């Protein structure tokens, strides 16, 4: 999977280590699917993040260094009684599946990846990010990471006045399907309804607008 800058620049591969995902606070995007997480699964993911990180919720504790460590811990630890075995193993299976499908996106043993960084402090050439060769679930993660960076950049106290992010997203219905309540759909709804005035412009393309979240279309 590669980000493809224009103007003849060479393409660059992108990937996320466990620490990279925690830095971005984007763990829930890994579990963001069109069949939606249950409230219990979402709460459990947040609790797992709290368990493996320091108080800031971002820096990994010394016992964990990569995705492999997290999988091994989840596969051998005592099930969290508060959520039950079914919820625990549902989260574990989902994480295992994503890491298996996305070996290049989420290298299991890497302590540091090469995550996409789209935040800017001045006008920059367009950046083309290729997600066509990765599974649908991983496409959703990449889109979530990009949008969240843009939103955080414009909401920052140090945001550059009048700087704009224009994001073009094809097959919008795949990322904000009608009726969905997952983390990515909610983020896209926020971008569409709140962020234009703050400098994040979303241009979406899809064959049937009826399949896209009502808030985004309206």
N, C-alpha and C. Protein backbone atom coordinates (compact mmCIF):
# COMPACT_ATOMS: atom_id res chain seq x y z
N UNK A 1 0.85 -1.19 0.00
CA UNK A 1 0.00 0.00 0.00
C UNK A 1 0.88 1.23 0.00
N UNK A 2 0.56 2.20 -0.80
CA UNK A 2 1.45 3.33 -0.97
C UNK A 2 0.70 4.64 -1.04
N UNK A 3 1.35 5.70 -0.57
CA UNK A 3 0.88 7.04 -0.81
C UNK A 3 1.61 7.55 -2.04
N UNK A 4 0.90 8.13 -2.99
CA UNK A 4 1.50 8.49 -4.27
C UNK A 4 1.45 10.01 -4.48
N UNK A 5 2.49 10.75 -4.06
CA UNK A 5 2.52 12.18 -4.31
C UNK A 5 2.59 12.47 -5.80
N UNK A 6 2.04 13.59 -6.22
CA UNK A 6 2.06 13.93 -7.64
C UNK A 6 3.36 14.62 -8.02
N UNK A 7 3.41 15.17 -9.22
CA UNK A 7 4.58 15.86 -9.74
C UNK A 7 5.78 14.94 -9.87
N UNK A 8 5.57 13.68 -10.17
CA UNK A 8 6.66 12.77 -10.46
C UNK A 8 7.44 12.29 -9.26
N UNK A 9 7.00 12.61 -8.06
CA UNK A 9 7.73 12.15 -6.87
C UNK A 9 7.57 10.64 -6.73
N UNK A 10 8.53 10.02 -6.09
CA UNK A 10 8.46 8.59 -5.87
C UNK A 10 7.39 8.26 -4.83
N UNK A 11 6.80 7.10 -4.99
CA UNK A 11 5.80 6.67 -4.02
C UNK A 11 6.47 6.22 -2.73
N UNK A 12 5.72 6.28 -1.65
CA UNK A 12 6.24 5.88 -0.34
C UNK A 12 5.25 4.92 0.31
N UNK A 13 5.76 3.84 0.84
CA UNK A 13 4.90 2.89 1.55
C UNK A 13 4.51 3.48 2.91
N UNK A 14 3.31 3.10 3.37
CA UNK A 14 2.90 3.54 4.69
C UNK A 14 2.51 2.35 5.56
N UNK A 15 2.69 2.51 6.86
CA UNK A 15 2.37 1.44 7.82
C UNK A 15 2.23 2.05 9.21
N UNK A 16 1.60 1.28 10.10
CA UNK A 16 1.40 1.74 11.47
C UNK A 16 1.84 0.65 12.45
N UNK A 17 2.71 0.99 13.37
CA UNK A 17 2.99 0.12 14.50
C UNK A 17 1.89 0.31 15.54
N UNK A 18 1.90 -0.53 16.57
CA UNK A 18 0.93 -0.36 17.66
C UNK A 18 1.09 1.01 18.28
N UNK A 19 2.33 1.45 18.50
CA UNK A 19 2.56 2.76 19.10
C UNK A 19 2.05 3.89 18.21
N UNK A 20 2.21 3.74 16.90
CA UNK A 20 1.72 4.76 15.97
C UNK A 20 0.20 4.93 16.09
N UNK A 21 -0.52 3.81 16.15
CA UNK A 21 -1.98 3.87 16.25
C UNK A 21 -2.40 4.51 17.57
N UNK A 22 -1.69 4.19 18.64
CA UNK A 22 -2.00 4.80 19.93
C UNK A 22 -1.71 6.30 19.91
N UNK A 23 -0.62 6.69 19.26
CA UNK A 23 -0.30 8.12 19.15
C UNK A 23 -1.42 8.89 18.47
N UNK A 24 -2.01 8.27 17.46
CA UNK A 24 -3.08 8.91 16.70
C UNK A 24 -4.45 8.77 17.37
N UNK A 25 -4.53 7.94 18.42
CA UNK A 25 -5.80 7.63 19.06
C UNK A 25 -6.81 7.10 18.05
N UNK A 26 -6.33 6.19 17.20
CA UNK A 26 -7.16 5.69 16.10
C UNK A 26 -7.45 4.18 16.21
N UNK A 27 -7.30 3.61 17.39
CA UNK A 27 -7.49 2.17 17.55
C UNK A 27 -8.89 1.73 17.12
N UNK A 28 -9.90 2.51 17.44
CA UNK A 28 -11.26 2.09 17.12
C UNK A 28 -11.51 2.02 15.62
N UNK A 29 -10.73 2.73 14.82
CA UNK A 29 -10.90 2.64 13.37
C UNK A 29 -10.55 1.25 12.86
N UNK A 30 -9.70 0.53 13.58
CA UNK A 30 -9.35 -0.84 13.19
C UNK A 30 -10.58 -1.74 13.28
N UNK A 31 -11.47 -1.41 14.19
CA UNK A 31 -12.67 -2.23 14.41
C UNK A 31 -13.90 -1.63 13.73
N UNK A 32 -13.69 -0.62 12.92
CA UNK A 32 -14.80 0.09 12.29
C UNK A 32 -15.24 -0.66 11.04
N UNK A 33 -16.41 -1.27 11.10
CA UNK A 33 -16.93 -2.07 9.99
C UNK A 33 -18.37 -1.68 9.70
N UNK A 34 -18.87 -2.12 8.56
CA UNK A 34 -20.24 -1.78 8.22
C UNK A 34 -21.26 -2.52 9.09
N UNK A 35 -20.81 -3.58 9.82
CA UNK A 35 -21.74 -4.27 10.71
C UNK A 35 -21.66 -3.72 12.13
N UNK A 36 -20.82 -2.70 12.33
CA UNK A 36 -20.75 -1.94 13.58
C UNK A 36 -20.37 -2.77 14.81
N UNK A 37 -19.59 -2.17 15.66
CA UNK A 37 -19.26 -2.76 16.95
C UNK A 37 -20.43 -2.60 17.91
N UNK A 38 -20.58 -3.59 18.79
CA UNK A 38 -21.54 -3.41 19.87
C UNK A 38 -20.96 -2.42 20.87
N UNK A 39 -21.82 -1.87 21.71
CA UNK A 39 -21.35 -0.93 22.74
C UNK A 39 -20.35 -1.60 23.66
N UNK A 40 -20.57 -2.87 23.98
CA UNK A 40 -19.66 -3.59 24.85
C UNK A 40 -18.28 -3.76 24.21
N UNK A 41 -18.25 -4.06 22.90
CA UNK A 41 -16.98 -4.23 22.22
C UNK A 41 -16.21 -2.91 22.17
N UNK A 42 -16.92 -1.83 21.90
CA UNK A 42 -16.27 -0.52 21.88
C UNK A 42 -15.68 -0.18 23.24
N UNK A 43 -16.46 -0.43 24.30
CA UNK A 43 -15.97 -0.16 25.65
C UNK A 43 -14.77 -1.03 25.99
N UNK A 44 -14.79 -2.29 25.54
CA UNK A 44 -13.68 -3.18 25.82
C UNK A 44 -12.41 -2.73 25.10
N UNK A 45 -12.53 -2.30 23.86
CA UNK A 45 -11.36 -1.80 23.13
C UNK A 45 -10.75 -0.61 23.88
N UNK A 46 -11.59 0.29 24.35
CA UNK A 46 -11.08 1.44 25.10
C UNK A 46 -10.39 1.00 26.39
N UNK A 47 -10.95 -0.02 27.04
CA UNK A 47 -10.35 -0.50 28.28
C UNK A 47 -9.01 -1.19 28.02
N UNK A 48 -8.91 -1.92 26.91
CA UNK A 48 -7.65 -2.56 26.55
C UNK A 48 -6.57 -1.51 26.30
N UNK A 49 -6.94 -0.43 25.59
CA UNK A 49 -5.99 0.66 25.36
C UNK A 49 -5.51 1.24 26.68
N UNK A 50 -6.43 1.43 27.62
CA UNK A 50 -6.05 1.97 28.93
C UNK A 50 -5.13 1.00 29.67
N UNK A 51 -5.34 -0.30 29.49
CA UNK A 51 -4.54 -1.31 30.18
C UNK A 51 -3.10 -1.34 29.68
N UNK A 52 -2.89 -1.13 28.39
CA UNK A 52 -1.55 -1.31 27.83
C UNK A 52 -0.77 0.00 27.73
N UNK A 53 -1.37 1.11 28.12
CA UNK A 53 -0.70 2.40 28.01
C UNK A 53 -0.51 3.06 29.37
N UNK A 54 0.36 4.07 29.36
CA UNK A 54 0.54 4.88 30.56
C UNK A 54 -0.70 5.76 30.75
N UNK A 55 -0.64 6.63 31.73
CA UNK A 55 -1.82 7.43 32.07
C UNK A 55 -2.30 8.33 30.94
N UNK A 56 -1.39 8.70 30.04
CA UNK A 56 -1.80 9.57 28.94
C UNK A 56 -2.62 8.85 27.88
N UNK A 57 -2.70 7.51 27.98
CA UNK A 57 -3.47 6.73 27.03
C UNK A 57 -2.81 6.55 25.69
N UNK A 58 -1.55 6.98 25.55
CA UNK A 58 -0.85 6.89 24.28
C UNK A 58 0.46 6.09 24.38
N UNK A 59 1.27 6.37 25.35
CA UNK A 59 2.58 5.72 25.46
C UNK A 59 2.42 4.30 25.99
N UNK A 60 2.97 3.33 25.24
CA UNK A 60 2.90 1.94 25.66
C UNK A 60 3.66 1.70 26.96
N UNK A 61 3.11 0.85 27.82
CA UNK A 61 3.84 0.40 28.99
C UNK A 61 4.98 -0.52 28.55
N UNK A 62 6.00 -0.70 29.39
CA UNK A 62 7.18 -1.48 28.99
C UNK A 62 6.87 -2.92 28.59
N UNK A 63 5.78 -3.50 29.06
CA UNK A 63 5.47 -4.90 28.76
C UNK A 63 5.02 -5.12 27.33
N UNK A 64 4.66 -4.05 26.62
CA UNK A 64 4.19 -4.18 25.24
C UNK A 64 5.05 -3.33 24.32
N UNK A 65 5.40 -3.89 23.17
CA UNK A 65 6.20 -3.14 22.21
C UNK A 65 5.61 -3.16 20.80
N UNK A 66 4.76 -4.16 20.48
CA UNK A 66 4.27 -4.27 19.11
C UNK A 66 2.93 -5.02 19.07
N UNK A 67 2.39 -5.19 17.86
CA UNK A 67 1.11 -5.88 17.68
C UNK A 67 1.18 -7.33 18.15
N UNK A 68 2.30 -7.97 17.92
CA UNK A 68 2.45 -9.37 18.31
C UNK A 68 2.28 -9.52 19.82
N UNK A 69 2.87 -8.61 20.58
CA UNK A 69 2.74 -8.65 22.04
C UNK A 69 1.27 -8.53 22.45
N UNK A 70 0.56 -7.62 21.79
CA UNK A 70 -0.85 -7.41 22.14
C UNK A 70 -1.68 -8.66 21.85
N UNK A 71 -1.46 -9.26 20.68
CA UNK A 71 -2.20 -10.47 20.34
C UNK A 71 -1.91 -11.60 21.32
N UNK A 72 -0.64 -11.79 21.67
CA UNK A 72 -0.28 -12.85 22.61
C UNK A 72 -0.90 -12.61 23.97
N UNK A 73 -0.91 -11.37 24.42
CA UNK A 73 -1.50 -11.06 25.71
C UNK A 73 -3.01 -11.33 25.70
N UNK A 74 -3.68 -10.90 24.65
CA UNK A 74 -5.12 -11.12 24.57
C UNK A 74 -5.46 -12.60 24.44
N UNK A 75 -4.58 -13.36 23.80
CA UNK A 75 -4.84 -14.78 23.60
C UNK A 75 -4.56 -15.64 24.81
N UNK A 76 -3.85 -15.10 25.78
CA UNK A 76 -3.47 -15.92 26.94
C UNK A 76 -3.96 -15.36 28.28
N UNK A 77 -4.43 -14.11 28.29
CA UNK A 77 -4.85 -13.50 29.55
C UNK A 77 -6.19 -14.04 29.99
N UNK A 78 -6.50 -13.87 31.27
CA UNK A 78 -7.82 -14.24 31.77
C UNK A 78 -8.86 -13.28 31.19
N UNK A 79 -9.96 -13.81 30.76
CA UNK A 79 -11.00 -12.99 30.13
C UNK A 79 -11.55 -11.99 31.12
N UNK A 80 -11.74 -10.77 30.65
CA UNK A 80 -12.31 -9.71 31.47
C UNK A 80 -13.76 -10.06 31.82
N UNK A 81 -14.01 -10.29 33.10
CA UNK A 81 -15.33 -10.76 33.53
C UNK A 81 -16.41 -9.71 33.30
N UNK A 82 -16.03 -8.44 33.25
CA UNK A 82 -17.01 -7.38 33.09
C UNK A 82 -17.71 -7.46 31.73
N UNK A 83 -17.01 -7.96 30.73
CA UNK A 83 -17.57 -7.98 29.38
C UNK A 83 -17.94 -9.38 28.91
N UNK A 84 -17.40 -10.40 29.54
CA UNK A 84 -17.74 -11.76 29.16
C UNK A 84 -16.82 -12.31 28.08
N UNK A 85 -16.76 -13.63 28.02
CA UNK A 85 -15.87 -14.30 27.08
C UNK A 85 -16.23 -14.01 25.62
N UNK A 86 -17.54 -13.94 25.33
CA UNK A 86 -17.96 -13.71 23.95
C UNK A 86 -17.44 -12.40 23.40
N UNK A 87 -17.57 -11.33 24.19
CA UNK A 87 -17.11 -10.01 23.75
C UNK A 87 -15.60 -9.97 23.62
N UNK A 88 -14.92 -10.56 24.62
CA UNK A 88 -13.44 -10.57 24.60
C UNK A 88 -12.91 -11.26 23.34
N UNK A 89 -13.43 -12.43 23.04
CA UNK A 89 -12.91 -13.18 21.90
C UNK A 89 -13.37 -12.60 20.58
N UNK A 90 -14.49 -11.90 20.57
CA UNK A 90 -14.92 -11.21 19.35
C UNK A 90 -13.91 -10.10 19.00
N UNK A 91 -13.47 -9.36 20.00
CA UNK A 91 -12.46 -8.32 19.78
C UNK A 91 -11.14 -8.95 19.36
N UNK A 92 -10.77 -10.03 20.02
CA UNK A 92 -9.50 -10.71 19.68
C UNK A 92 -9.53 -11.22 18.24
N UNK A 93 -10.62 -11.87 17.84
CA UNK A 93 -10.70 -12.41 16.47
C UNK A 93 -10.65 -11.30 15.44
N UNK A 94 -11.34 -10.19 15.73
CA UNK A 94 -11.33 -9.07 14.79
C UNK A 94 -9.91 -8.52 14.64
N UNK A 95 -9.21 -8.32 15.75
CA UNK A 95 -7.85 -7.80 15.69
C UNK A 95 -6.93 -8.76 14.96
N UNK A 96 -7.05 -10.05 15.26
CA UNK A 96 -6.21 -11.06 14.59
C UNK A 96 -6.44 -11.03 13.08
N UNK A 97 -7.69 -10.94 12.67
CA UNK A 97 -8.04 -10.92 11.25
C UNK A 97 -7.45 -9.71 10.55
N UNK A 98 -7.58 -8.53 11.17
CA UNK A 98 -7.06 -7.31 10.56
C UNK A 98 -5.54 -7.38 10.43
N UNK A 99 -4.86 -7.83 11.47
CA UNK A 99 -3.40 -7.90 11.43
C UNK A 99 -2.93 -8.94 10.43
N UNK A 100 -3.71 -10.00 10.25
CA UNK A 100 -3.34 -11.02 9.28
C UNK A 100 -3.55 -10.51 7.85
N UNK A 101 -4.67 -9.83 7.62
CA UNK A 101 -4.96 -9.28 6.29
C UNK A 101 -4.01 -8.14 5.94
N UNK A 102 -3.62 -7.38 6.95
CA UNK A 102 -2.84 -6.17 6.70
C UNK A 102 -1.41 -6.27 7.16
N UNK A 103 -0.73 -7.33 6.76
CA UNK A 103 0.65 -7.53 7.21
C UNK A 103 1.54 -6.35 6.85
N UNK A 104 1.30 -5.72 5.69
CA UNK A 104 2.13 -4.60 5.28
C UNK A 104 1.72 -3.30 5.95
N UNK A 105 0.44 -3.19 6.26
CA UNK A 105 -0.06 -1.98 6.92
C UNK A 105 0.25 -2.00 8.42
N UNK A 106 0.10 -3.17 9.03
CA UNK A 106 0.35 -3.33 10.47
C UNK A 106 1.39 -4.43 10.70
N UNK A 107 2.67 -4.14 10.46
CA UNK A 107 3.71 -5.16 10.70
C UNK A 107 3.73 -5.59 12.16
N UNK A 108 3.54 -6.88 12.41
CA UNK A 108 3.29 -7.36 13.77
C UNK A 108 4.45 -7.12 14.73
N UNK A 109 5.68 -7.19 14.24
CA UNK A 109 6.82 -7.11 15.15
C UNK A 109 7.52 -5.76 15.11
N UNK A 110 7.01 -4.84 14.35
CA UNK A 110 7.65 -3.52 14.23
C UNK A 110 7.34 -2.65 15.45
N UNK A 111 8.37 -2.01 15.99
CA UNK A 111 8.17 -1.06 17.07
C UNK A 111 7.78 0.30 16.54
N UNK A 112 8.13 0.57 15.29
CA UNK A 112 7.82 1.86 14.68
C UNK A 112 7.47 1.64 13.22
N UNK A 113 6.40 2.26 12.77
CA UNK A 113 5.99 2.15 11.38
C UNK A 113 6.32 3.41 10.60
N UNK A 114 5.60 3.59 9.52
CA UNK A 114 5.77 4.79 8.69
C UNK A 114 4.38 5.34 8.37
N UNK A 115 3.69 5.86 9.40
CA UNK A 115 2.30 6.27 9.20
C UNK A 115 2.18 7.48 8.29
N UNK A 116 1.04 7.58 7.63
CA UNK A 116 0.75 8.74 6.79
C UNK A 116 0.65 10.00 7.66
N UNK A 117 1.28 11.05 7.21
CA UNK A 117 1.18 12.34 7.90
C UNK A 117 0.69 13.37 6.90
N UNK A 118 -0.52 13.84 7.07
CA UNK A 118 -1.07 14.77 6.08
C UNK A 118 -1.20 16.19 6.64
N UNK A 119 -0.99 16.38 7.93
CA UNK A 119 -1.11 17.72 8.51
C UNK A 119 -0.03 18.64 7.94
N UNK A 120 -0.39 19.86 7.61
CA UNK A 120 0.53 20.83 7.02
C UNK A 120 0.39 22.17 7.73
N UNK A 121 1.46 22.99 7.63
CA UNK A 121 1.39 24.36 8.15
C UNK A 121 1.47 25.39 7.04
N UNK A 122 1.43 24.92 5.77
CA UNK A 122 1.39 25.83 4.62
C UNK A 122 0.82 25.07 3.43
N UNK A 123 0.50 25.80 2.37
CA UNK A 123 -0.05 25.19 1.17
C UNK A 123 0.93 24.18 0.59
N UNK A 124 0.43 23.01 0.20
CA UNK A 124 1.29 21.93 -0.31
C UNK A 124 0.65 21.31 -1.55
N UNK A 125 1.44 20.64 -2.38
CA UNK A 125 0.89 19.97 -3.56
C UNK A 125 -0.11 18.88 -3.15
N UNK A 126 -1.00 18.49 -4.04
CA UNK A 126 -1.93 17.39 -3.73
C UNK A 126 -1.19 16.10 -3.41
N UNK A 127 -1.79 15.30 -2.57
CA UNK A 127 -1.23 13.99 -2.22
C UNK A 127 -2.26 12.93 -2.57
N UNK A 128 -1.85 11.95 -3.36
CA UNK A 128 -2.74 10.86 -3.74
C UNK A 128 -2.38 9.65 -2.88
N UNK A 129 -3.36 9.13 -2.15
CA UNK A 129 -3.13 8.00 -1.25
C UNK A 129 -3.86 6.78 -1.82
N UNK A 130 -3.10 5.79 -2.19
CA UNK A 130 -3.64 4.60 -2.85
C UNK A 130 -4.12 3.61 -1.79
N UNK A 131 -5.42 3.35 -1.77
CA UNK A 131 -5.97 2.34 -0.86
C UNK A 131 -6.61 1.20 -1.63
N UNK A 132 -6.48 1.22 -2.95
CA UNK A 132 -7.22 0.26 -3.78
C UNK A 132 -6.74 -1.17 -3.61
N UNK A 133 -5.49 -1.36 -3.18
CA UNK A 133 -4.93 -2.70 -3.11
C UNK A 133 -5.01 -3.32 -1.72
N UNK A 134 -5.68 -2.65 -0.80
CA UNK A 134 -5.78 -3.20 0.55
C UNK A 134 -7.23 -3.55 0.85
N UNK A 135 -7.48 -4.50 1.76
CA UNK A 135 -8.86 -4.92 2.06
C UNK A 135 -9.73 -3.76 2.53
N UNK A 136 -11.02 -3.93 2.34
CA UNK A 136 -12.00 -2.90 2.68
C UNK A 136 -11.86 -2.41 4.12
N UNK A 137 -11.70 -3.34 5.06
CA UNK A 137 -11.61 -2.95 6.46
C UNK A 137 -10.39 -2.07 6.72
N UNK A 138 -9.29 -2.34 6.00
CA UNK A 138 -8.09 -1.53 6.17
C UNK A 138 -8.22 -0.19 5.47
N UNK A 139 -8.97 -0.16 4.37
CA UNK A 139 -9.25 1.12 3.72
C UNK A 139 -9.94 2.06 4.70
N UNK A 140 -10.87 1.52 5.47
CA UNK A 140 -11.60 2.34 6.43
C UNK A 140 -10.66 2.91 7.50
N UNK A 141 -9.69 2.11 7.91
CA UNK A 141 -8.73 2.61 8.90
C UNK A 141 -7.93 3.77 8.32
N UNK A 142 -7.42 3.61 7.11
CA UNK A 142 -6.59 4.66 6.49
C UNK A 142 -7.40 5.95 6.33
N UNK A 143 -8.63 5.83 5.86
CA UNK A 143 -9.48 7.01 5.70
C UNK A 143 -9.72 7.68 7.05
N UNK A 144 -9.99 6.89 8.07
CA UNK A 144 -10.21 7.44 9.40
C UNK A 144 -8.99 8.19 9.92
N UNK A 145 -7.82 7.61 9.72
CA UNK A 145 -6.58 8.24 10.17
C UNK A 145 -6.37 9.59 9.49
N UNK A 146 -6.60 9.64 8.17
CA UNK A 146 -6.41 10.87 7.41
C UNK A 146 -7.38 11.96 7.87
N UNK A 147 -8.66 11.60 7.96
CA UNK A 147 -9.67 12.58 8.36
C UNK A 147 -9.42 13.10 9.77
N UNK A 148 -9.04 12.21 10.66
CA UNK A 148 -8.82 12.64 12.04
C UNK A 148 -7.66 13.62 12.13
N UNK A 149 -6.61 13.37 11.34
CA UNK A 149 -5.48 14.31 11.33
C UNK A 149 -5.91 15.69 10.86
N UNK A 150 -6.72 15.72 9.80
CA UNK A 150 -7.18 17.01 9.27
C UNK A 150 -8.03 17.75 10.29
N UNK A 151 -8.95 17.03 10.93
CA UNK A 151 -9.81 17.66 11.93
C UNK A 151 -8.99 18.18 13.10
N UNK A 152 -8.07 17.37 13.60
CA UNK A 152 -7.25 17.80 14.74
C UNK A 152 -6.37 18.99 14.37
N UNK A 153 -5.86 18.99 13.14
CA UNK A 153 -5.01 20.09 12.71
C UNK A 153 -5.77 21.40 12.70
N UNK A 154 -7.03 21.38 12.21
CA UNK A 154 -7.80 22.61 12.13
C UNK A 154 -8.37 23.04 13.47
N UNK A 155 -8.53 22.10 14.39
CA UNK A 155 -9.05 22.45 15.71
C UNK A 155 -7.96 22.84 16.70
N UNK A 156 -6.70 22.63 16.30
CA UNK A 156 -5.58 22.92 17.17
C UNK A 156 -5.48 24.41 17.47
N UNK A 157 -4.96 24.71 18.66
CA UNK A 157 -4.76 26.11 19.04
C UNK A 157 -3.73 26.78 18.15
N UNK A 158 -2.90 25.98 17.50
CA UNK A 158 -1.85 26.52 16.63
C UNK A 158 -2.24 26.42 15.15
N UNK A 159 -3.51 26.20 14.84
CA UNK A 159 -3.95 26.07 13.45
C UNK A 159 -3.61 27.33 12.66
N UNK A 160 -3.10 27.12 11.45
CA UNK A 160 -2.72 28.23 10.58
C UNK A 160 -3.99 28.90 10.03
N UNK A 161 -4.16 30.19 10.20
CA UNK A 161 -5.37 30.87 9.70
C UNK A 161 -5.55 30.66 8.19
N UNK A 162 -6.78 30.38 7.82
CA UNK A 162 -7.18 30.27 6.40
C UNK A 162 -6.62 29.06 5.66
N UNK A 163 -5.87 28.20 6.32
CA UNK A 163 -5.40 26.98 5.66
C UNK A 163 -6.58 26.02 5.50
N UNK A 164 -6.66 25.36 4.35
CA UNK A 164 -7.77 24.47 4.06
C UNK A 164 -7.27 23.08 3.67
N UNK A 165 -8.02 22.07 4.08
CA UNK A 165 -7.79 20.70 3.62
C UNK A 165 -8.97 20.31 2.73
N UNK A 166 -8.70 19.97 1.49
CA UNK A 166 -9.73 19.48 0.59
C UNK A 166 -9.49 18.00 0.35
N UNK A 167 -10.43 17.18 0.78
CA UNK A 167 -10.26 15.72 0.72
C UNK A 167 -11.28 15.14 -0.25
N UNK A 168 -10.79 14.43 -1.25
CA UNK A 168 -11.64 13.76 -2.24
C UNK A 168 -11.68 12.28 -1.93
N UNK A 169 -12.88 11.75 -1.71
CA UNK A 169 -13.03 10.35 -1.32
C UNK A 169 -14.04 9.66 -2.23
N UNK A 170 -13.55 8.67 -2.96
CA UNK A 170 -14.43 7.91 -3.86
C UNK A 170 -15.17 6.83 -3.07
N UNK A 171 -16.29 6.37 -3.62
CA UNK A 171 -17.11 5.32 -2.97
C UNK A 171 -17.45 5.71 -1.54
N UNK A 172 -17.98 6.91 -1.39
CA UNK A 172 -18.26 7.44 -0.05
C UNK A 172 -19.19 6.54 0.75
N UNK A 173 -20.09 5.85 0.05
CA UNK A 173 -21.04 4.99 0.76
C UNK A 173 -20.37 3.84 1.49
N UNK A 174 -19.15 3.50 1.11
CA UNK A 174 -18.43 2.42 1.78
C UNK A 174 -17.85 2.87 3.13
N UNK A 175 -17.71 4.17 3.28
CA UNK A 175 -17.06 4.69 4.48
C UNK A 175 -18.04 5.36 5.45
N UNK A 176 -19.17 5.80 4.92
CA UNK A 176 -20.22 6.36 5.78
C UNK A 176 -21.56 5.81 5.33
N UNK A 177 -21.80 4.51 5.49
CA UNK A 177 -23.04 3.91 5.00
C UNK A 177 -24.25 4.39 5.81
N UNK A 178 -25.36 4.47 5.14
CA UNK A 178 -26.59 4.93 5.80
C UNK A 178 -26.96 4.01 6.96
N UNK A 179 -27.27 4.60 8.09
CA UNK A 179 -27.70 3.85 9.26
C UNK A 179 -26.58 3.38 10.15
N UNK A 180 -25.32 3.54 9.72
CA UNK A 180 -24.19 3.07 10.53
C UNK A 180 -23.89 4.06 11.65
N UNK A 181 -23.33 3.54 12.75
CA UNK A 181 -22.99 4.37 13.90
C UNK A 181 -21.55 4.15 14.35
N UNK A 182 -20.75 3.53 13.50
CA UNK A 182 -19.37 3.24 13.89
C UNK A 182 -18.54 4.52 13.94
N UNK A 183 -17.31 4.38 14.44
CA UNK A 183 -16.43 5.51 14.68
C UNK A 183 -16.15 6.31 13.40
N UNK A 184 -15.91 5.63 12.29
CA UNK A 184 -15.58 6.31 11.05
C UNK A 184 -16.79 7.07 10.49
N UNK A 185 -17.96 6.45 10.51
CA UNK A 185 -19.15 7.14 10.02
C UNK A 185 -19.42 8.40 10.82
N UNK A 186 -19.26 8.32 12.13
CA UNK A 186 -19.48 9.50 12.97
C UNK A 186 -18.47 10.60 12.65
N UNK A 187 -17.23 10.20 12.35
CA UNK A 187 -16.21 11.19 12.00
C UNK A 187 -16.55 11.87 10.67
N UNK A 188 -16.98 11.09 9.68
CA UNK A 188 -17.37 11.67 8.40
C UNK A 188 -18.57 12.60 8.55
N UNK A 189 -19.49 12.23 9.40
CA UNK A 189 -20.64 13.10 9.66
C UNK A 189 -20.19 14.41 10.31
N UNK A 190 -19.24 14.32 11.21
CA UNK A 190 -18.70 15.53 11.84
C UNK A 190 -18.03 16.43 10.80
N UNK A 191 -17.23 15.82 9.92
CA UNK A 191 -16.55 16.59 8.88
C UNK A 191 -17.57 17.28 7.97
N UNK A 192 -18.60 16.54 7.57
CA UNK A 192 -19.58 17.08 6.63
C UNK A 192 -20.45 18.18 7.25
N UNK A 193 -20.77 18.05 8.53
CA UNK A 193 -21.71 18.98 9.15
C UNK A 193 -21.06 20.13 9.91
N UNK A 194 -19.81 19.95 10.35
CA UNK A 194 -19.21 20.95 11.24
C UNK A 194 -17.90 21.56 10.73
N UNK A 195 -17.17 20.83 9.88
CA UNK A 195 -15.79 21.23 9.65
C UNK A 195 -15.55 22.11 8.43
N UNK A 196 -16.56 22.32 7.59
CA UNK A 196 -16.33 23.19 6.42
C UNK A 196 -15.92 24.59 6.85
N UNK A 197 -16.61 25.11 7.86
CA UNK A 197 -16.30 26.45 8.33
C UNK A 197 -14.93 26.54 8.99
N UNK A 198 -14.40 25.40 9.39
CA UNK A 198 -13.09 25.38 10.04
C UNK A 198 -11.97 24.94 9.10
N UNK A 199 -12.31 24.65 7.84
CA UNK A 199 -11.26 24.43 6.87
C UNK A 199 -11.03 23.00 6.44
N UNK A 200 -11.99 22.11 6.65
CA UNK A 200 -11.87 20.75 6.12
C UNK A 200 -13.03 20.53 5.16
N UNK A 201 -12.71 20.42 3.88
CA UNK A 201 -13.72 20.31 2.83
C UNK A 201 -13.73 18.88 2.30
N UNK A 202 -14.86 18.22 2.39
CA UNK A 202 -14.99 16.84 1.92
C UNK A 202 -15.75 16.80 0.60
N UNK A 203 -15.12 16.24 -0.42
CA UNK A 203 -15.77 15.99 -1.71
C UNK A 203 -15.93 14.48 -1.86
N UNK A 204 -17.15 14.01 -1.90
CA UNK A 204 -17.40 12.58 -1.97
C UNK A 204 -18.02 12.17 -3.29
N UNK A 205 -17.72 10.97 -3.74
CA UNK A 205 -18.32 10.43 -4.96
C UNK A 205 -18.90 9.06 -4.65
N UNK A 206 -20.09 8.80 -5.20
CA UNK A 206 -20.74 7.51 -5.04
C UNK A 206 -21.83 7.39 -6.09
N UNK A 207 -22.19 6.17 -6.43
CA UNK A 207 -23.19 5.98 -7.47
C UNK A 207 -24.60 6.21 -6.96
N UNK A 208 -24.85 5.89 -5.67
CA UNK A 208 -26.20 6.05 -5.13
C UNK A 208 -26.12 6.78 -3.79
N UNK A 209 -26.54 8.05 -3.80
CA UNK A 209 -26.51 8.84 -2.58
C UNK A 209 -27.39 8.24 -1.49
N UNK A 210 -28.38 7.45 -1.88
CA UNK A 210 -29.28 6.85 -0.90
C UNK A 210 -28.57 5.87 0.02
N UNK A 211 -27.36 5.45 -0.35
CA UNK A 211 -26.62 4.49 0.47
C UNK A 211 -25.67 5.19 1.45
N UNK A 212 -25.63 6.53 1.41
CA UNK A 212 -24.74 7.29 2.25
C UNK A 212 -25.49 7.84 3.45
N UNK A 213 -24.78 8.00 4.56
CA UNK A 213 -25.37 8.58 5.78
C UNK A 213 -26.18 9.83 5.47
N UNK A 214 -27.37 9.91 6.06
CA UNK A 214 -28.25 11.07 5.84
C UNK A 214 -27.56 12.38 6.17
N UNK A 215 -26.83 12.40 7.28
CA UNK A 215 -26.18 13.65 7.71
C UNK A 215 -25.17 14.12 6.68
N UNK A 216 -24.44 13.17 6.09
CA UNK A 216 -23.43 13.55 5.10
C UNK A 216 -24.10 14.11 3.85
N UNK A 217 -25.14 13.45 3.37
CA UNK A 217 -25.83 13.88 2.15
C UNK A 217 -26.50 15.24 2.37
N UNK A 218 -27.18 15.40 3.48
CA UNK A 218 -27.91 16.64 3.73
C UNK A 218 -26.98 17.82 3.93
